[in-house]
């Protein structure tokens, strides 16, 4: 009899001081982001949503949601994670963002004491040909049962991306920043995940369209994994 595939998964309720997507402020105040996933045989199915907890018109309602399917494979010390994702209408002030989706691949590798990664996305639905590329360094620390993860990154986009989201005539640097998060077990599969993210838009022409040009997003997630 063939061995059954091992199944794992989890769920999070993530409270954030702000909804930020690729350096772009997508809310003017706090947001709740539920997230659920299940993994089997290297595949991960994920569902995510954003609920703005602000004075905006969409307060208390889901203003953004996505579903994705990813596959993870390791080869010669590299981890390859291709993914397809589709999201519904996101109401971002001043930005045209109807339902769309994209294909992406994340390639990561442990290089001595740090990890390096390269993320490449291509919009294949509404804004075909729009690309976003991100690369950076990661580092994990363990303190007892607590795990701390740190990331430094920089991202850039092509002309099609900038035209679609901000009517800018040329591609270039989009965002840079860093993130620190920790996983704190609280018993029987439950955990807390405090996190803080800092984002900066290096180019003046980008800051003129996507404001603010520098922001921090802090939050804490209550999660359960099995």
Protein backbone atom coordinates (compact mmCIF):
# COMPACT_ATOMS: atom_id res chain seq x y z
CA UNK A 1 0.00 0.00 0.00
CA UNK A 2 1.40 3.40 -0.98
CA UNK A 3 2.25 5.75 1.87
CA UNK A 4 -0.24 8.55 2.39
CA UNK A 5 0.96 12.08 1.75
CA UNK A 6 1.66 14.01 4.95
CA UNK A 7 -0.74 16.92 5.34
CA UNK A 8 -0.01 20.07 7.32
CA UNK A 9 -1.60 23.47 7.50
CA UNK A 10 -2.54 26.40 9.63
CA UNK A 11 -4.51 29.58 10.16
CA UNK A 12 -3.61 33.11 11.23
CA UNK A 13 -5.43 36.25 12.31
CA UNK A 14 -2.92 39.01 11.62
CA UNK A 15 -3.52 42.49 13.06
CA UNK A 16 -1.51 45.18 11.22
CA UNK A 17 -1.15 48.91 11.76
CA UNK A 18 -1.49 49.30 8.00
CA UNK A 19 -2.07 47.27 4.83
CA UNK A 20 1.07 47.55 2.68
CA UNK A 21 1.55 45.80 -0.67
CA UNK A 22 4.97 46.01 -2.38
CA UNK A 23 5.77 49.28 -0.69
CA UNK A 24 2.39 50.83 -1.53
CA UNK A 25 0.13 51.99 1.31
CA UNK A 26 -3.23 50.31 0.69
CA UNK A 27 -5.06 51.61 3.77
CA UNK A 28 -4.92 54.70 5.96
CA UNK A 29 -5.08 52.76 9.22
CA UNK A 30 -5.14 49.31 10.85
CA UNK A 31 -6.18 46.15 9.08
CA UNK A 32 -7.04 42.54 9.94
CA UNK A 33 -5.64 39.89 7.59
CA UNK A 34 -6.91 36.31 8.02
CA UNK A 35 -4.78 33.68 6.29
CA UNK A 36 -5.27 29.91 5.92
CA UNK A 37 -3.22 27.24 4.18
CA UNK A 38 -2.88 23.49 3.70
CA UNK A 39 0.21 21.64 2.43
CA UNK A 40 0.57 18.13 0.97
CA UNK A 41 3.13 16.49 -1.34
CA UNK A 42 4.99 19.78 -1.78
CA UNK A 43 1.89 21.74 -2.82
CA UNK A 44 0.44 24.55 -0.70
CA UNK A 45 -3.05 25.97 -1.20
CA UNK A 46 -3.49 29.34 0.45
CA UNK A 47 -6.41 31.74 0.98
CA UNK A 48 -5.88 35.28 2.29
CA UNK A 49 -7.99 38.40 2.83
CA UNK A 50 -7.68 41.97 4.09
CA UNK A 51 -10.29 43.77 6.20
CA UNK A 52 -9.68 47.48 6.79
CA UNK A 53 -10.37 48.61 10.37
CA UNK A 54 -10.39 52.32 9.54
CA UNK A 55 -12.75 55.20 8.86
CA UNK A 56 -12.70 54.43 5.14
CA UNK A 57 -15.92 53.61 3.31
CA UNK A 58 -15.01 49.92 3.17
CA UNK A 59 -14.47 49.67 6.95
CA UNK A 60 -15.30 46.21 8.28
CA UNK A 61 -15.60 44.63 4.83
CA UNK A 62 -13.21 42.49 2.81
CA UNK A 63 -11.57 44.88 0.35
CA UNK A 64 -8.92 42.46 -0.92
CA UNK A 65 -8.71 38.67 -1.15
CA UNK A 66 -6.52 36.15 -2.91
CA UNK A 67 -6.12 32.44 -3.47
CA UNK A 68 -2.84 30.81 -4.51
CA UNK A 69 -1.30 27.45 -5.27
CA UNK A 70 2.45 26.93 -4.82
CA UNK A 71 4.83 24.01 -5.21
CA UNK A 72 8.14 23.70 -3.37
CA UNK A 73 11.12 21.66 -4.57
CA UNK A 74 14.76 21.54 -3.47
CA UNK A 75 17.57 20.79 -5.91
CA UNK A 76 21.35 21.11 -5.46
CA UNK A 77 20.99 23.32 -2.40
CA UNK A 78 18.44 25.65 -4.02
CA UNK A 79 14.76 25.86 -3.13
CA UNK A 80 12.39 26.57 -6.02
CA UNK A 81 8.83 27.73 -5.32
CA UNK A 82 6.68 28.44 -8.38
CA UNK A 83 3.21 29.84 -7.63
CA UNK A 84 0.04 31.02 -9.33
CA UNK A 85 -2.11 33.58 -7.50
CA UNK A 86 -5.41 35.29 -8.23
CA UNK A 87 -6.88 38.19 -6.26
CA UNK A 88 -10.15 40.09 -6.28
CA UNK A 89 -10.69 43.84 -6.56
CA UNK A 90 -8.44 45.83 -4.21
CA UNK A 91 -9.69 49.30 -3.35
CA UNK A 92 -6.48 51.30 -3.12
CA UNK A 93 -7.00 55.06 -3.10
CA UNK A 94 -5.77 56.65 -6.31
CA UNK A 95 -4.65 53.33 -7.83
CA UNK A 96 -6.43 51.29 -10.50
CA UNK A 97 -6.36 47.72 -9.23
CA UNK A 98 -9.13 45.48 -10.62
CA UNK A 99 -9.15 41.67 -10.24
CA UNK A 100 -6.01 40.13 -11.68
CA UNK A 101 -3.37 37.53 -10.96
CA UNK A 102 0.15 36.47 -11.64
CA UNK A 103 2.65 33.67 -11.96
CA UNK A 104 5.78 33.83 -9.82
CA UNK A 105 8.83 31.85 -8.81
CA UNK A 106 10.92 32.29 -5.68
CA UNK A 107 14.46 30.87 -5.69
CA UNK A 108 16.32 30.76 -2.37
CA UNK A 109 19.69 29.42 -1.26
CA UNK A 110 21.63 29.24 2.02
CA UNK A 111 24.89 31.15 1.46
CA UNK A 112 26.95 30.65 4.59
CA UNK A 113 25.41 32.42 7.59
CA UNK A 114 22.62 34.07 5.56
CA UNK A 115 20.06 33.10 2.96
CA UNK A 116 19.63 34.82 -0.39
CA UNK A 117 16.47 34.89 -2.49
CA UNK A 118 15.16 36.09 -5.82
CA UNK A 119 11.45 36.55 -6.47
CA UNK A 120 10.14 37.09 -10.00
CA UNK A 121 6.45 37.76 -10.70
CA UNK A 122 4.65 38.20 -14.02
CA UNK A 123 1.04 39.40 -14.27
CA UNK A 124 -0.75 37.04 -16.64
CA UNK A 125 -4.34 38.24 -16.34
CA UNK A 126 -5.49 41.89 -16.29
CA UNK A 127 -2.09 43.60 -16.67
CA UNK A 128 -0.28 41.08 -18.83
CA UNK A 129 3.46 41.59 -18.95
CA UNK A 130 3.69 43.64 -15.74
CA UNK A 131 6.63 42.30 -13.74
CA UNK A 132 7.93 42.79 -10.24
CA UNK A 133 11.34 41.52 -9.12
CA UNK A 134 12.60 41.35 -5.56
CA UNK A 135 15.88 40.14 -4.09
CA UNK A 136 17.39 40.19 -0.63
CA UNK A 137 19.02 38.52 2.33
CA UNK A 138 17.45 36.53 5.16
CA UNK A 139 18.72 35.46 8.57
CA UNK A 140 17.11 33.32 11.27
CA UNK A 141 17.95 33.15 14.96
CA UNK A 142 16.75 30.74 17.64
CA UNK A 143 16.39 31.74 21.27
CA UNK A 144 15.02 28.82 23.23
CA UNK A 145 11.69 27.98 21.61
CA UNK A 146 11.44 31.40 19.94
CA UNK A 147 12.48 31.85 16.31
CA UNK A 148 13.40 35.30 14.96
CA UNK A 149 13.54 35.97 11.21
CA UNK A 150 15.05 39.07 9.59
CA UNK A 151 14.92 40.15 5.94
CA UNK A 152 16.52 42.96 3.91
CA UNK A 153 15.15 43.43 0.40
CA UNK A 154 14.93 45.66 -2.67
CA UNK A 155 12.33 45.49 -5.44
CA UNK A 156 11.90 46.95 -8.89
CA UNK A 157 9.22 46.83 -11.57
CA UNK A 158 9.02 47.21 -15.33
CA UNK A 159 7.30 49.91 -17.38
CA UNK A 160 4.07 47.91 -17.73
CA UNK A 161 3.76 47.59 -13.93
CA UNK A 162 4.27 51.33 -13.36
CA UNK A 163 1.86 52.25 -16.15
CA UNK A 164 -0.81 49.93 -14.73
CA UNK A 165 -0.60 51.03 -11.10
CA UNK A 166 0.60 54.62 -11.25
CA UNK A 167 0.62 55.96 -14.82
CA UNK A 168 4.42 56.31 -14.70
CA UNK A 169 6.16 56.15 -18.10
CA UNK A 170 9.19 54.00 -17.22
CA UNK A 171 10.24 51.13 -15.01
CA UNK A 172 12.81 51.23 -12.22
CA UNK A 173 13.26 50.82 -8.50
CA UNK A 174 9.99 50.49 -6.61
CA UNK A 175 10.73 49.78 -2.96
CA UNK A 176 13.38 48.79 -0.44
CA UNK A 177 13.14 47.85 3.19
CA UNK A 178 13.39 45.25 5.88
CA UNK A 179 11.32 43.03 8.15
CA UNK A 180 11.76 41.39 11.53
CA UNK A 181 9.33 38.81 12.85
CA UNK A 182 9.33 36.15 15.54
CA UNK A 183 7.42 32.97 16.25
CA UNK A 184 6.50 32.48 19.92
CA UNK A 185 4.84 29.14 20.78
CA UNK A 186 2.01 29.42 23.31
CA UNK A 187 1.03 25.76 23.46
CA UNK A 188 -0.90 23.03 21.61
CA UNK A 189 -0.08 24.29 18.10
CA UNK A 190 -0.85 27.94 18.83
CA UNK A 191 1.69 30.74 18.49
CA UNK A 192 2.10 34.50 18.42
CA UNK A 193 3.99 36.18 15.58
CA UNK A 194 4.86 39.83 16.28
CA UNK A 195 6.39 41.60 13.28
CA UNK A 196 7.50 44.99 12.00
CA UNK A 197 8.15 46.04 8.40
CA UNK A 198 9.85 49.21 7.16
CA UNK A 199 9.48 50.32 3.54
CA UNK A 200 11.04 53.15 1.55
CA UNK A 201 10.48 54.27 -2.06
CA UNK A 202 13.96 55.29 -3.34
CA UNK A 203 12.94 57.18 -6.50
CA UNK A 204 11.48 60.71 -6.20
CA UNK A 205 9.14 60.19 -9.18
CA UNK A 206 7.69 57.10 -7.49
CA UNK A 207 7.27 58.88 -4.15
CA UNK A 208 5.35 61.65 -5.93
CA UNK A 209 2.68 59.13 -7.00
CA UNK A 210 2.69 56.52 -4.25
CA UNK A 211 2.52 58.29 -0.90
CA UNK A 212 3.83 58.11 1.77
CA UNK A 213 7.34 57.43 0.54
CA UNK A 214 8.48 55.93 3.83
CA UNK A 215 6.36 53.98 6.28
CA UNK A 216 6.44 51.34 9.00
CA UNK A 217 3.90 48.60 9.53
CA UNK A 218 3.79 46.78 12.86
CA UNK A 219 1.49 44.00 13.92
CA UNK A 220 0.94 40.71 15.68
CA UNK A 221 -0.60 37.50 14.41
CA UNK A 222 -2.32 34.78 16.41
CA UNK A 223 -1.81 31.50 14.60
CA UNK A 224 -2.42 27.78 14.78
CA UNK A 225 -0.48 25.14 12.85
CA UNK A 226 -0.71 21.37 12.57
